[in-house]
N, C-alpha and C. Protein backbone atom coordinates (compact mmCIF):
# COMPACT_ATOMS: atom_id res chain seq x y z
N MET A 1 13.37 -16.94 0.14
CA MET A 1 12.83 -15.76 0.80
C MET A 1 11.33 -15.66 0.49
N ARG A 2 10.50 -15.69 1.53
CA ARG A 2 9.06 -15.60 1.34
C ARG A 2 8.64 -14.16 1.07
N THR A 3 7.64 -13.99 0.17
CA THR A 3 7.03 -12.70 -0.07
C THR A 3 5.52 -12.89 0.02
N PHE A 4 4.76 -11.81 -0.22
CA PHE A 4 3.30 -11.92 -0.13
C PHE A 4 2.74 -12.91 -1.13
N ARG A 5 3.50 -13.23 -2.18
CA ARG A 5 3.02 -14.22 -3.15
C ARG A 5 2.96 -15.62 -2.56
N ASP A 6 3.65 -15.82 -1.42
CA ASP A 6 3.66 -17.13 -0.76
C ASP A 6 2.65 -17.20 0.38
N ALA A 7 1.63 -16.34 0.34
CA ALA A 7 0.70 -16.24 1.46
C ALA A 7 0.00 -17.56 1.78
N LYS A 8 -0.38 -18.31 0.75
CA LYS A 8 -1.09 -19.57 1.00
C LYS A 8 -0.18 -20.58 1.67
N ILE A 9 1.08 -20.65 1.24
CA ILE A 9 2.03 -21.56 1.87
C ILE A 9 2.27 -21.16 3.31
N MET A 10 2.41 -19.84 3.56
CA MET A 10 2.63 -19.35 4.90
C MET A 10 1.44 -19.63 5.81
N ALA A 11 0.23 -19.50 5.26
CA ALA A 11 -0.97 -19.80 6.04
C ALA A 11 -1.02 -21.27 6.43
N LYS A 12 -0.65 -22.14 5.50
CA LYS A 12 -0.62 -23.57 5.79
C LYS A 12 0.40 -23.89 6.88
N THR A 13 1.58 -23.25 6.80
CA THR A 13 2.61 -23.46 7.81
C THR A 13 2.14 -22.95 9.17
N LEU A 14 1.50 -21.78 9.18
CA LEU A 14 0.99 -21.21 10.43
C LEU A 14 -0.02 -22.14 11.08
N ARG A 15 -0.93 -22.70 10.31
CA ARG A 15 -1.92 -23.64 10.86
C ARG A 15 -1.24 -24.86 11.48
N SER A 16 -0.26 -25.41 10.77
CA SER A 16 0.43 -26.60 11.25
C SER A 16 1.19 -26.33 12.53
N GLU A 17 1.90 -25.18 12.59
CA GLU A 17 2.69 -24.85 13.76
C GLU A 17 1.81 -24.60 14.98
N LEU A 18 0.71 -23.89 14.79
CA LEU A 18 -0.20 -23.63 15.92
C LEU A 18 -0.84 -24.91 16.43
N ALA A 19 -1.18 -25.79 15.51
CA ALA A 19 -1.78 -27.06 15.92
C ALA A 19 -0.78 -27.92 16.69
N ALA A 20 0.48 -27.93 16.23
CA ALA A 20 1.49 -28.77 16.86
C ALA A 20 1.97 -28.19 18.19
N ARG A 21 2.14 -26.87 18.26
CA ARG A 21 2.77 -26.27 19.43
C ARG A 21 1.76 -25.80 20.49
N LYS A 22 0.62 -25.30 20.02
CA LYS A 22 -0.34 -24.69 20.95
C LYS A 22 -1.70 -25.41 20.97
N GLN A 23 -1.80 -26.49 20.20
CA GLN A 23 -3.06 -27.21 20.09
C GLN A 23 -4.21 -26.26 19.73
N THR A 24 -3.90 -25.33 18.84
CA THR A 24 -4.90 -24.36 18.38
C THR A 24 -5.27 -24.68 16.95
N ASP A 25 -6.56 -24.82 16.72
CA ASP A 25 -7.02 -25.20 15.39
C ASP A 25 -7.58 -23.98 14.67
N LEU A 26 -6.86 -23.49 13.66
CA LEU A 26 -7.33 -22.39 12.83
C LEU A 26 -7.83 -22.92 11.50
N SER A 27 -8.86 -22.29 10.97
CA SER A 27 -9.28 -22.63 9.62
C SER A 27 -8.28 -22.02 8.63
N HIS A 28 -8.31 -22.55 7.40
CA HIS A 28 -7.39 -22.02 6.40
C HIS A 28 -7.67 -20.55 6.12
N SER A 29 -8.93 -20.17 6.11
CA SER A 29 -9.28 -18.77 5.84
C SER A 29 -8.81 -17.86 6.98
N GLU A 30 -8.91 -18.33 8.23
CA GLU A 30 -8.41 -17.53 9.36
C GLU A 30 -6.91 -17.33 9.26
N ALA A 31 -6.20 -18.39 8.92
CA ALA A 31 -4.74 -18.29 8.77
C ALA A 31 -4.38 -17.33 7.64
N LEU A 32 -5.13 -17.37 6.55
CA LEU A 32 -4.88 -16.47 5.43
C LEU A 32 -5.07 -15.01 5.84
N GLU A 33 -6.10 -14.75 6.64
CA GLU A 33 -6.35 -13.37 7.08
C GLU A 33 -5.20 -12.87 7.96
N ILE A 34 -4.65 -13.74 8.82
CA ILE A 34 -3.53 -13.34 9.68
C ILE A 34 -2.31 -13.00 8.83
N VAL A 35 -2.00 -13.88 7.88
CA VAL A 35 -0.84 -13.64 7.00
C VAL A 35 -1.06 -12.36 6.18
N THR A 36 -2.30 -12.17 5.72
CA THR A 36 -2.62 -10.97 4.95
C THR A 36 -2.30 -9.71 5.72
N ARG A 37 -2.67 -9.66 6.99
CA ARG A 37 -2.43 -8.47 7.81
C ARG A 37 -0.94 -8.27 8.10
N GLN A 38 -0.19 -9.36 8.15
CA GLN A 38 1.25 -9.23 8.36
C GLN A 38 1.91 -8.51 7.19
N PHE A 39 1.36 -8.63 6.02
CA PHE A 39 1.90 -7.96 4.84
C PHE A 39 1.28 -6.58 4.62
N GLY A 40 0.41 -6.14 5.54
CA GLY A 40 -0.13 -4.80 5.48
C GLY A 40 -1.35 -4.62 4.60
N PHE A 41 -2.03 -5.71 4.20
CA PHE A 41 -3.23 -5.61 3.39
C PHE A 41 -4.47 -5.74 4.28
N ASP A 42 -5.58 -5.15 3.83
CA ASP A 42 -6.79 -5.12 4.65
C ASP A 42 -7.44 -6.49 4.82
N ASP A 43 -7.51 -7.26 3.76
CA ASP A 43 -8.11 -8.58 3.83
C ASP A 43 -7.58 -9.45 2.70
N TRP A 44 -7.92 -10.74 2.74
CA TRP A 44 -7.38 -11.69 1.78
C TRP A 44 -7.81 -11.36 0.36
N ASN A 45 -9.01 -10.84 0.16
CA ASN A 45 -9.46 -10.53 -1.20
C ASN A 45 -8.56 -9.47 -1.85
N VAL A 46 -8.14 -8.48 -1.04
CA VAL A 46 -7.25 -7.44 -1.56
C VAL A 46 -5.90 -8.05 -1.94
N LEU A 47 -5.35 -8.89 -1.05
CA LEU A 47 -4.05 -9.50 -1.33
C LEU A 47 -4.14 -10.46 -2.51
N ALA A 48 -5.23 -11.22 -2.60
CA ALA A 48 -5.40 -12.15 -3.72
C ALA A 48 -5.42 -11.41 -5.05
N ALA A 49 -6.08 -10.24 -5.07
CA ALA A 49 -6.11 -9.44 -6.28
C ALA A 49 -4.71 -8.93 -6.62
N ARG A 50 -3.95 -8.56 -5.59
CA ARG A 50 -2.58 -8.09 -5.82
C ARG A 50 -1.72 -9.22 -6.40
N ILE A 51 -1.85 -10.42 -5.86
CA ILE A 51 -1.08 -11.56 -6.35
C ILE A 51 -1.43 -11.85 -7.81
N GLU A 52 -2.71 -11.78 -8.12
CA GLU A 52 -3.15 -12.02 -9.49
C GLU A 52 -2.58 -10.95 -10.43
N SER A 53 -2.60 -9.69 -9.96
CA SER A 53 -2.06 -8.61 -10.77
C SER A 53 -0.57 -8.80 -11.03
N GLU A 54 0.17 -9.23 -9.99
CA GLU A 54 1.61 -9.46 -10.14
C GLU A 54 1.86 -10.60 -11.13
N SER A 55 1.02 -11.63 -11.07
CA SER A 55 1.18 -12.77 -11.97
C SER A 55 0.98 -12.35 -13.42
N GLN A 56 -0.03 -11.50 -13.64
CA GLN A 56 -0.29 -11.04 -14.99
C GLN A 56 0.84 -10.16 -15.50
N SER A 57 1.42 -9.34 -14.61
CA SER A 57 2.50 -8.45 -15.04
C SER A 57 3.75 -9.23 -15.43
N ARG A 58 3.89 -10.45 -14.92
CA ARG A 58 5.01 -11.29 -15.33
C ARG A 58 4.83 -11.80 -16.75
N ILE A 59 3.57 -12.00 -17.14
CA ILE A 59 3.30 -12.53 -18.48
C ILE A 59 3.47 -11.42 -19.53
N VAL A 60 2.86 -10.25 -19.28
CA VAL A 60 2.98 -9.11 -20.18
C VAL A 60 3.33 -7.90 -19.33
N PRO A 61 4.61 -7.61 -19.13
CA PRO A 61 4.98 -6.48 -18.29
C PRO A 61 4.38 -5.18 -18.80
N ALA A 62 3.71 -4.45 -17.91
CA ALA A 62 3.01 -3.23 -18.32
C ALA A 62 3.98 -2.18 -18.83
N TYR A 63 5.21 -2.16 -18.29
CA TYR A 63 6.13 -1.10 -18.71
C TYR A 63 6.59 -1.26 -20.15
N LEU A 64 6.41 -2.48 -20.73
CA LEU A 64 6.76 -2.67 -22.14
C LEU A 64 5.72 -2.04 -23.04
N VAL A 65 4.54 -1.78 -22.48
CA VAL A 65 3.45 -1.22 -23.28
C VAL A 65 3.38 0.29 -23.13
N SER A 66 3.37 0.78 -21.88
CA SER A 66 3.12 2.20 -21.68
C SER A 66 4.09 2.88 -20.73
N GLY A 67 5.14 2.19 -20.30
CA GLY A 67 6.06 2.79 -19.35
C GLY A 67 5.58 2.55 -17.93
N PRO A 68 6.47 2.64 -16.94
CA PRO A 68 6.09 2.37 -15.56
C PRO A 68 5.12 3.40 -15.02
N ASP A 69 4.12 2.94 -14.29
CA ASP A 69 3.12 3.82 -13.69
C ASP A 69 3.62 4.22 -12.31
N ILE A 70 4.35 5.35 -12.22
CA ILE A 70 4.95 5.73 -10.94
C ILE A 70 3.92 6.33 -10.01
N SER A 71 2.66 6.53 -10.46
CA SER A 71 1.63 7.01 -9.57
C SER A 71 1.10 5.88 -8.69
N ASP A 72 1.42 4.63 -9.02
CA ASP A 72 0.97 3.48 -8.24
C ASP A 72 2.11 3.00 -7.36
N PRO A 73 2.06 3.28 -6.05
CA PRO A 73 3.17 2.89 -5.17
C PRO A 73 3.25 1.40 -4.93
N LYS A 74 2.29 0.63 -5.45
CA LYS A 74 2.30 -0.81 -5.22
C LYS A 74 3.09 -1.55 -6.31
N ARG A 75 3.81 -0.83 -7.14
CA ARG A 75 4.58 -1.50 -8.19
C ARG A 75 5.96 -0.87 -8.28
N ALA A 76 6.98 -1.71 -8.32
CA ALA A 76 8.34 -1.20 -8.45
C ALA A 76 8.46 -0.33 -9.69
N THR A 77 9.22 0.74 -9.58
CA THR A 77 9.34 1.70 -10.68
C THR A 77 10.59 1.48 -11.50
N THR A 78 11.27 0.38 -11.30
CA THR A 78 12.47 0.06 -12.06
C THR A 78 12.59 -1.45 -12.15
N SER A 79 13.29 -1.93 -13.18
CA SER A 79 13.49 -3.37 -13.31
C SER A 79 14.70 -3.85 -12.53
N THR A 80 15.51 -2.92 -12.02
CA THR A 80 16.67 -3.28 -11.21
C THR A 80 16.47 -2.73 -9.81
N ILE A 81 16.36 -3.60 -8.81
CA ILE A 81 16.03 -3.18 -7.45
C ILE A 81 17.17 -3.55 -6.50
N PRO A 82 17.90 -2.58 -5.97
CA PRO A 82 18.92 -2.89 -4.96
C PRO A 82 18.28 -3.45 -3.69
N ILE A 83 18.92 -4.47 -3.12
CA ILE A 83 18.48 -5.03 -1.84
C ILE A 83 19.48 -4.59 -0.78
N LEU A 84 19.03 -3.83 0.20
CA LEU A 84 19.90 -3.26 1.21
C LEU A 84 19.75 -3.99 2.54
N ARG A 85 20.85 -4.29 3.15
CA ARG A 85 20.87 -4.97 4.45
C ARG A 85 20.49 -3.99 5.54
N ILE A 86 19.56 -4.40 6.41
CA ILE A 86 19.18 -3.61 7.58
C ILE A 86 19.29 -4.50 8.81
N PHE A 87 19.27 -3.87 9.99
CA PHE A 87 19.39 -4.63 11.23
C PHE A 87 18.21 -4.40 12.17
N SER A 88 17.31 -3.50 11.80
CA SER A 88 16.16 -3.19 12.63
C SER A 88 15.03 -2.69 11.76
N GLU A 89 13.89 -3.37 11.79
CA GLU A 89 12.74 -2.92 11.01
C GLU A 89 12.32 -1.51 11.44
N GLN A 90 12.26 -1.28 12.74
CA GLN A 90 11.80 0.02 13.23
C GLN A 90 12.70 1.15 12.76
N ARG A 91 14.02 0.97 12.88
CA ARG A 91 14.96 2.02 12.46
C ARG A 91 14.95 2.18 10.94
N ALA A 92 14.78 1.09 10.22
CA ALA A 92 14.74 1.17 8.75
C ALA A 92 13.53 1.98 8.29
N LEU A 93 12.36 1.69 8.84
CA LEU A 93 11.16 2.41 8.43
C LEU A 93 11.23 3.86 8.89
N GLU A 94 11.82 4.10 10.04
CA GLU A 94 11.99 5.47 10.52
C GLU A 94 12.86 6.27 9.56
N PHE A 95 13.96 5.64 9.09
CA PHE A 95 14.89 6.35 8.21
C PHE A 95 14.33 6.48 6.81
N TYR A 96 13.91 5.38 6.20
CA TYR A 96 13.52 5.41 4.79
C TYR A 96 12.13 6.02 4.58
N VAL A 97 11.19 5.73 5.45
CA VAL A 97 9.82 6.21 5.27
C VAL A 97 9.63 7.58 5.92
N GLU A 98 9.95 7.67 7.22
CA GLU A 98 9.68 8.92 7.94
C GLU A 98 10.65 10.03 7.55
N PHE A 99 11.94 9.70 7.41
CA PHE A 99 12.94 10.73 7.11
C PHE A 99 13.09 10.98 5.61
N LEU A 100 13.40 9.93 4.84
CA LEU A 100 13.64 10.12 3.41
C LEU A 100 12.37 10.28 2.58
N GLY A 101 11.21 9.92 3.16
CA GLY A 101 9.96 10.15 2.46
C GLY A 101 9.54 9.06 1.50
N PHE A 102 10.11 7.85 1.62
CA PHE A 102 9.66 6.73 0.82
C PHE A 102 8.27 6.27 1.27
N THR A 103 7.60 5.53 0.41
CA THR A 103 6.35 4.85 0.77
C THR A 103 6.65 3.37 0.98
N LEU A 104 6.15 2.81 2.07
CA LEU A 104 6.29 1.36 2.28
C LEU A 104 5.32 0.66 1.34
N ASP A 105 5.86 -0.04 0.35
CA ASP A 105 5.04 -0.73 -0.64
C ASP A 105 4.46 -2.00 -0.04
N TRP A 106 5.32 -2.82 0.52
CA TRP A 106 4.89 -4.01 1.24
C TRP A 106 6.03 -4.43 2.15
N GLY A 107 5.72 -5.27 3.12
CA GLY A 107 6.78 -5.73 4.01
C GLY A 107 6.21 -6.43 5.23
N GLY A 108 7.05 -7.26 5.84
CA GLY A 108 6.65 -7.99 7.03
C GLY A 108 7.62 -9.12 7.30
N PRO A 109 7.30 -9.98 8.26
CA PRO A 109 8.16 -11.13 8.56
C PRO A 109 8.29 -12.03 7.33
N ALA A 110 9.52 -12.27 6.89
CA ALA A 110 9.72 -12.96 5.62
C ALA A 110 9.22 -14.39 5.63
N GLY A 111 9.34 -15.06 6.77
CA GLY A 111 8.93 -16.46 6.83
C GLY A 111 7.85 -16.74 7.84
N GLY A 112 7.05 -15.73 8.19
CA GLY A 112 6.01 -15.90 9.18
C GLY A 112 6.36 -15.19 10.48
N PRO A 113 5.50 -15.28 11.49
CA PRO A 113 5.69 -14.54 12.74
C PRO A 113 7.05 -14.82 13.37
N GLY A 114 7.72 -13.77 13.82
CA GLY A 114 8.98 -13.92 14.51
C GLY A 114 10.20 -14.02 13.62
N THR A 115 10.03 -13.97 12.31
CA THR A 115 11.17 -14.07 11.38
C THR A 115 11.59 -12.68 10.92
N PRO A 116 12.79 -12.55 10.34
CA PRO A 116 13.30 -11.23 9.96
C PRO A 116 12.43 -10.52 8.92
N PHE A 117 12.50 -9.20 8.97
CA PHE A 117 11.71 -8.34 8.08
C PHE A 117 12.26 -8.36 6.65
N TYR A 118 11.35 -8.31 5.69
CA TYR A 118 11.71 -8.09 4.28
C TYR A 118 10.63 -7.21 3.68
N GLY A 119 11.02 -6.13 3.03
CA GLY A 119 10.01 -5.24 2.48
C GLY A 119 10.54 -4.40 1.35
N GLN A 120 9.65 -3.62 0.76
CA GLN A 120 9.98 -2.79 -0.40
C GLN A 120 9.49 -1.37 -0.15
N VAL A 121 10.36 -0.38 -0.46
CA VAL A 121 10.00 1.03 -0.32
C VAL A 121 10.20 1.73 -1.66
N ILE A 122 9.36 2.75 -1.91
CA ILE A 122 9.36 3.43 -3.19
C ILE A 122 9.24 4.94 -2.97
N ARG A 123 10.03 5.69 -3.71
CA ARG A 123 9.82 7.13 -3.82
C ARG A 123 10.16 7.54 -5.24
N GLY A 124 9.19 8.17 -5.92
CA GLY A 124 9.40 8.57 -7.30
C GLY A 124 9.75 7.37 -8.16
N GLU A 125 10.91 7.43 -8.83
CA GLU A 125 11.34 6.34 -9.69
C GLU A 125 12.44 5.50 -9.05
N THR A 126 12.50 5.54 -7.71
CA THR A 126 13.51 4.78 -6.98
C THR A 126 12.82 3.73 -6.12
N THR A 127 13.26 2.50 -6.24
CA THR A 127 12.71 1.38 -5.47
C THR A 127 13.85 0.63 -4.79
N PHE A 128 13.71 0.37 -3.49
CA PHE A 128 14.65 -0.45 -2.73
C PHE A 128 13.89 -1.58 -2.06
N GLN A 129 14.58 -2.68 -1.85
CA GLN A 129 14.08 -3.71 -0.95
C GLN A 129 15.01 -3.77 0.26
N LEU A 130 14.42 -3.92 1.44
CA LEU A 130 15.16 -3.89 2.70
C LEU A 130 15.08 -5.27 3.34
N ALA A 131 16.22 -5.86 3.65
CA ALA A 131 16.27 -7.23 4.14
C ALA A 131 16.97 -7.30 5.49
N GLU A 132 16.29 -7.89 6.46
CA GLU A 132 16.88 -8.09 7.78
C GLU A 132 17.57 -9.46 7.88
N GLN A 133 17.37 -10.29 6.85
CA GLN A 133 17.98 -11.61 6.84
C GLN A 133 19.51 -11.49 6.81
N PRO A 134 20.23 -12.16 7.69
CA PRO A 134 21.68 -12.02 7.72
C PRO A 134 22.39 -12.62 6.52
N TYR A 135 21.74 -13.54 5.81
CA TYR A 135 22.42 -14.22 4.71
C TYR A 135 22.00 -13.68 3.34
N ASP A 136 21.21 -12.62 3.30
CA ASP A 136 20.72 -12.16 2.00
C ASP A 136 21.69 -11.15 1.38
N PRO A 137 21.58 -9.84 1.62
CA PRO A 137 22.59 -8.93 1.08
C PRO A 137 23.67 -8.64 2.12
N GLY A 138 24.84 -8.27 1.68
CA GLY A 138 25.85 -7.80 2.61
C GLY A 138 25.62 -6.32 2.90
N ASN A 139 26.03 -5.88 4.09
CA ASN A 139 25.85 -4.47 4.41
C ASN A 139 26.98 -3.65 3.79
N GLY A 140 26.83 -2.35 3.75
CA GLY A 140 27.86 -1.47 3.22
C GLY A 140 27.73 -1.19 1.74
N ALA A 141 26.53 -1.31 1.16
CA ALA A 141 26.34 -1.03 -0.26
C ALA A 141 26.30 0.48 -0.50
N THR A 142 26.64 0.88 -1.74
CA THR A 142 26.50 2.27 -2.17
C THR A 142 25.63 2.29 -3.42
N VAL A 143 24.55 3.10 -3.39
CA VAL A 143 23.61 3.17 -4.51
C VAL A 143 23.60 4.60 -5.03
N ALA A 144 23.80 4.78 -6.33
CA ALA A 144 23.73 6.10 -6.96
C ALA A 144 22.31 6.35 -7.45
N ILE A 145 21.77 7.53 -7.13
CA ILE A 145 20.41 7.90 -7.53
C ILE A 145 20.49 9.22 -8.28
N ASN A 146 20.17 9.23 -9.56
CA ASN A 146 20.23 10.45 -10.37
C ASN A 146 18.93 11.24 -10.22
N VAL A 147 19.06 12.50 -9.83
CA VAL A 147 17.88 13.33 -9.57
C VAL A 147 18.08 14.72 -10.16
N ASP A 148 16.97 15.46 -10.24
CA ASP A 148 17.00 16.89 -10.54
C ASP A 148 16.51 17.60 -9.29
N GLY A 149 17.03 18.81 -9.02
CA GLY A 149 16.59 19.56 -7.86
C GLY A 149 17.25 19.13 -6.57
N ILE A 150 18.55 18.89 -6.59
CA ILE A 150 19.23 18.37 -5.40
C ILE A 150 19.25 19.39 -4.26
N ASP A 151 19.27 20.69 -4.57
CA ASP A 151 19.26 21.70 -3.52
C ASP A 151 17.93 21.69 -2.76
N ALA A 152 16.84 21.53 -3.50
CA ALA A 152 15.52 21.45 -2.86
C ALA A 152 15.42 20.20 -1.99
N LEU A 153 16.01 19.09 -2.47
CA LEU A 153 16.01 17.87 -1.67
C LEU A 153 16.82 18.07 -0.40
N HIS A 154 17.97 18.72 -0.51
CA HIS A 154 18.79 18.99 0.67
C HIS A 154 18.01 19.83 1.68
N ALA A 155 17.29 20.84 1.20
CA ALA A 155 16.50 21.69 2.10
C ALA A 155 15.38 20.89 2.77
N GLU A 156 14.74 20.02 1.99
CA GLU A 156 13.65 19.19 2.54
C GLU A 156 14.16 18.28 3.65
N LEU A 157 15.29 17.60 3.40
CA LEU A 157 15.82 16.66 4.39
C LEU A 157 16.37 17.41 5.61
N SER A 158 16.95 18.58 5.41
CA SER A 158 17.45 19.37 6.54
C SER A 158 16.31 19.79 7.45
N GLN A 159 15.20 20.18 6.84
CA GLN A 159 14.03 20.58 7.64
C GLN A 159 13.47 19.38 8.40
N ARG A 160 13.42 18.24 7.74
CA ARG A 160 12.88 17.05 8.39
C ARG A 160 13.81 16.57 9.51
N TYR A 161 15.13 16.70 9.28
CA TYR A 161 16.07 16.31 10.32
C TYR A 161 15.92 17.20 11.54
N SER A 162 15.68 18.48 11.34
CA SER A 162 15.49 19.40 12.46
C SER A 162 14.29 18.97 13.30
N ALA A 163 13.26 18.45 12.64
CA ALA A 163 12.06 18.02 13.36
C ALA A 163 12.27 16.69 14.06
N MET A 164 13.05 15.79 13.44
CA MET A 164 13.23 14.44 14.00
C MET A 164 14.39 14.36 14.98
N GLY A 165 15.34 15.28 14.85
CA GLY A 165 16.47 15.28 15.78
C GLY A 165 17.36 14.08 15.63
N SER A 166 17.90 13.61 16.73
CA SER A 166 18.92 12.55 16.70
C SER A 166 18.36 11.17 16.39
N ARG A 167 17.07 11.06 16.14
CA ARG A 167 16.52 9.75 15.78
C ARG A 167 17.05 9.29 14.42
N VAL A 168 17.50 10.22 13.58
CA VAL A 168 18.00 9.85 12.26
C VAL A 168 19.41 9.29 12.35
N TRP A 169 20.33 10.05 12.90
CA TRP A 169 21.71 9.59 13.07
C TRP A 169 22.15 9.79 14.51
N GLY A 170 22.53 11.01 14.83
CA GLY A 170 23.00 11.32 16.17
C GLY A 170 23.08 12.82 16.33
N PRO A 171 23.32 13.30 17.53
CA PRO A 171 23.30 14.75 17.76
C PRO A 171 24.41 15.52 17.06
N ALA A 172 25.50 14.84 16.68
CA ALA A 172 26.63 15.54 16.06
C ALA A 172 26.69 15.32 14.55
N VAL A 173 25.62 14.77 13.95
CA VAL A 173 25.60 14.49 12.52
C VAL A 173 24.43 15.25 11.91
N TRP A 174 24.58 15.74 10.70
CA TRP A 174 23.53 16.48 10.04
C TRP A 174 23.51 16.10 8.56
N VAL A 175 22.53 16.65 7.84
CA VAL A 175 22.43 16.36 6.40
C VAL A 175 23.65 16.96 5.70
N PRO A 176 24.44 16.14 4.99
CA PRO A 176 25.69 16.65 4.39
C PRO A 176 25.42 17.66 3.27
N ALA A 177 26.36 18.55 3.07
CA ALA A 177 26.23 19.56 2.02
C ALA A 177 26.36 18.93 0.65
N VAL A 178 25.78 19.59 -0.34
CA VAL A 178 25.94 19.17 -1.73
C VAL A 178 27.32 19.61 -2.22
N GLN A 179 28.05 18.69 -2.85
CA GLN A 179 29.40 18.97 -3.33
C GLN A 179 29.44 18.88 -4.85
N GLU A 180 30.15 19.82 -5.48
CA GLU A 180 30.30 19.77 -6.94
C GLU A 180 31.59 19.03 -7.28
N MET A 181 31.47 17.99 -8.09
CA MET A 181 32.61 17.17 -8.47
C MET A 181 33.19 17.62 -9.81
N PRO A 182 34.47 17.37 -10.05
CA PRO A 182 35.11 17.83 -11.30
C PRO A 182 34.61 17.12 -12.54
N TRP A 183 33.87 16.03 -12.38
CA TRP A 183 33.38 15.30 -13.56
C TRP A 183 31.95 15.68 -13.93
N GLY A 184 31.49 16.85 -13.44
CA GLY A 184 30.21 17.38 -13.92
C GLY A 184 29.00 16.97 -13.13
N LEU A 185 29.16 16.52 -11.89
CA LEU A 185 28.04 16.14 -11.05
C LEU A 185 28.07 16.91 -9.74
N ARG A 186 26.89 17.20 -9.21
CA ARG A 186 26.75 17.70 -7.85
C ARG A 186 26.21 16.54 -7.02
N VAL A 187 26.84 16.26 -5.90
CA VAL A 187 26.60 15.00 -5.18
C VAL A 187 26.30 15.28 -3.71
N MET A 188 25.33 14.54 -3.20
CA MET A 188 25.04 14.53 -1.76
C MET A 188 24.92 13.07 -1.33
N THR A 189 25.76 12.63 -0.42
CA THR A 189 25.75 11.23 0.02
C THR A 189 25.14 11.13 1.42
N ILE A 190 24.07 10.34 1.51
CA ILE A 190 23.35 10.13 2.76
C ILE A 190 23.64 8.70 3.23
N SER A 191 24.03 8.54 4.47
CA SER A 191 24.27 7.21 5.04
C SER A 191 23.07 6.78 5.87
N ASP A 192 22.63 5.53 5.67
CA ASP A 192 21.54 5.02 6.52
C ASP A 192 22.13 4.47 7.81
N PRO A 193 21.31 4.04 8.77
CA PRO A 193 21.84 3.58 10.05
C PRO A 193 22.55 2.24 9.99
N PHE A 194 22.63 1.61 8.80
CA PHE A 194 23.14 0.25 8.71
C PHE A 194 24.42 0.15 7.86
N GLY A 195 25.01 1.28 7.52
CA GLY A 195 26.25 1.26 6.76
C GLY A 195 26.07 1.33 5.26
N ASN A 196 24.85 1.54 4.78
CA ASN A 196 24.61 1.72 3.35
C ASN A 196 24.66 3.21 3.01
N HIS A 197 25.04 3.52 1.77
CA HIS A 197 25.21 4.92 1.36
C HIS A 197 24.36 5.19 0.12
N LEU A 198 23.56 6.24 0.17
CA LEU A 198 22.73 6.66 -0.95
C LEU A 198 23.38 7.91 -1.54
N ARG A 199 23.87 7.80 -2.77
CA ARG A 199 24.60 8.89 -3.41
C ARG A 199 23.68 9.58 -4.41
N PHE A 200 23.10 10.72 -4.00
CA PHE A 200 22.23 11.49 -4.87
C PHE A 200 23.10 12.33 -5.81
N CYS A 201 22.86 12.20 -7.13
CA CYS A 201 23.71 12.85 -8.13
C CYS A 201 22.85 13.71 -9.06
N GLU A 202 23.27 14.96 -9.25
CA GLU A 202 22.58 15.86 -10.17
C GLU A 202 23.60 16.41 -11.17
N PRO A 203 23.39 16.20 -12.47
CA PRO A 203 24.31 16.77 -13.46
C PRO A 203 24.33 18.29 -13.40
N VAL A 204 25.50 18.87 -13.55
CA VAL A 204 25.62 20.33 -13.60
C VAL A 204 24.98 20.88 -14.87
N ASP A 205 25.12 20.17 -15.97
CA ASP A 205 24.56 20.60 -17.26
C ASP A 205 23.03 20.48 -17.24
N PRO A 206 22.31 21.60 -17.42
CA PRO A 206 20.83 21.53 -17.40
C PRO A 206 20.27 20.56 -18.42
N ALA A 207 20.91 20.43 -19.57
CA ALA A 207 20.41 19.51 -20.60
C ALA A 207 20.48 18.07 -20.12
N ALA A 208 21.50 17.74 -19.33
CA ALA A 208 21.65 16.38 -18.82
C ALA A 208 20.64 16.07 -17.72
N ARG A 209 20.10 17.12 -17.10
CA ARG A 209 19.10 16.92 -16.03
C ARG A 209 17.70 16.68 -16.58
N LYS A 210 17.51 16.99 -17.85
CA LYS A 210 16.18 16.88 -18.43
C LYS A 210 15.66 15.44 -18.37
N GLY A 211 14.50 15.28 -17.79
CA GLY A 211 13.88 13.96 -17.68
C GLY A 211 14.21 13.23 -16.41
N LEU A 212 15.14 13.75 -15.60
CA LEU A 212 15.46 13.09 -14.33
C LEU A 212 14.35 13.36 -13.31
N PRO A 213 14.07 12.42 -12.42
CA PRO A 213 13.01 12.62 -11.43
C PRO A 213 13.39 13.70 -10.42
N ARG A 214 12.39 14.45 -9.98
CA ARG A 214 12.57 15.42 -8.91
C ARG A 214 12.02 14.83 -7.62
N TRP A 215 12.86 14.69 -6.63
CA TRP A 215 12.43 14.12 -5.36
C TRP A 215 11.67 15.14 -4.51
N ALA A 216 12.10 16.39 -4.55
CA ALA A 216 11.52 17.39 -3.66
C ALA A 216 10.28 18.03 -4.27
């Protein structure tokens, strides 16, 4: 699976394919700029700095020193990242970014122009990767997300759903109510358009909620 770290390889492939198929001769720097924009970066210098930063974080992970910097949306906020199967880049970004309020960290065609989407979205201390590749994750996953302030989150999503209408699910579906479970959790389960389920969980005990992220 290609990511932005493979930009140089992708640029080389792009040059070769254009030369072979379209008799178009691109310089290596031109190909790099095209690949850079596919991943949502302004220019190659910005992406090169990001790649260098990622390489350094592999050597000495910053979270081992000072904890994850959740103010920087360009870095995953957890060491365990669920990969969720999607079937449409447009619908995925509409649901996760526009409706749920995630930030698109990075994303684009995984193997160059015309290939399936692969990207990463972040909100607070929750990070997901979204894969359109049919052979990567299976669909139908359920992810539990522990939060504080679940009623405020429900109100936020209900208001956003009213504004977006049936683009989220359909005209007969709405944001589900928060349910209190006998094992001490209040739960709201949101289904994405691809069969995945996000289970937002808030402990009933105020002491157990201490330190949990607030989404709303």
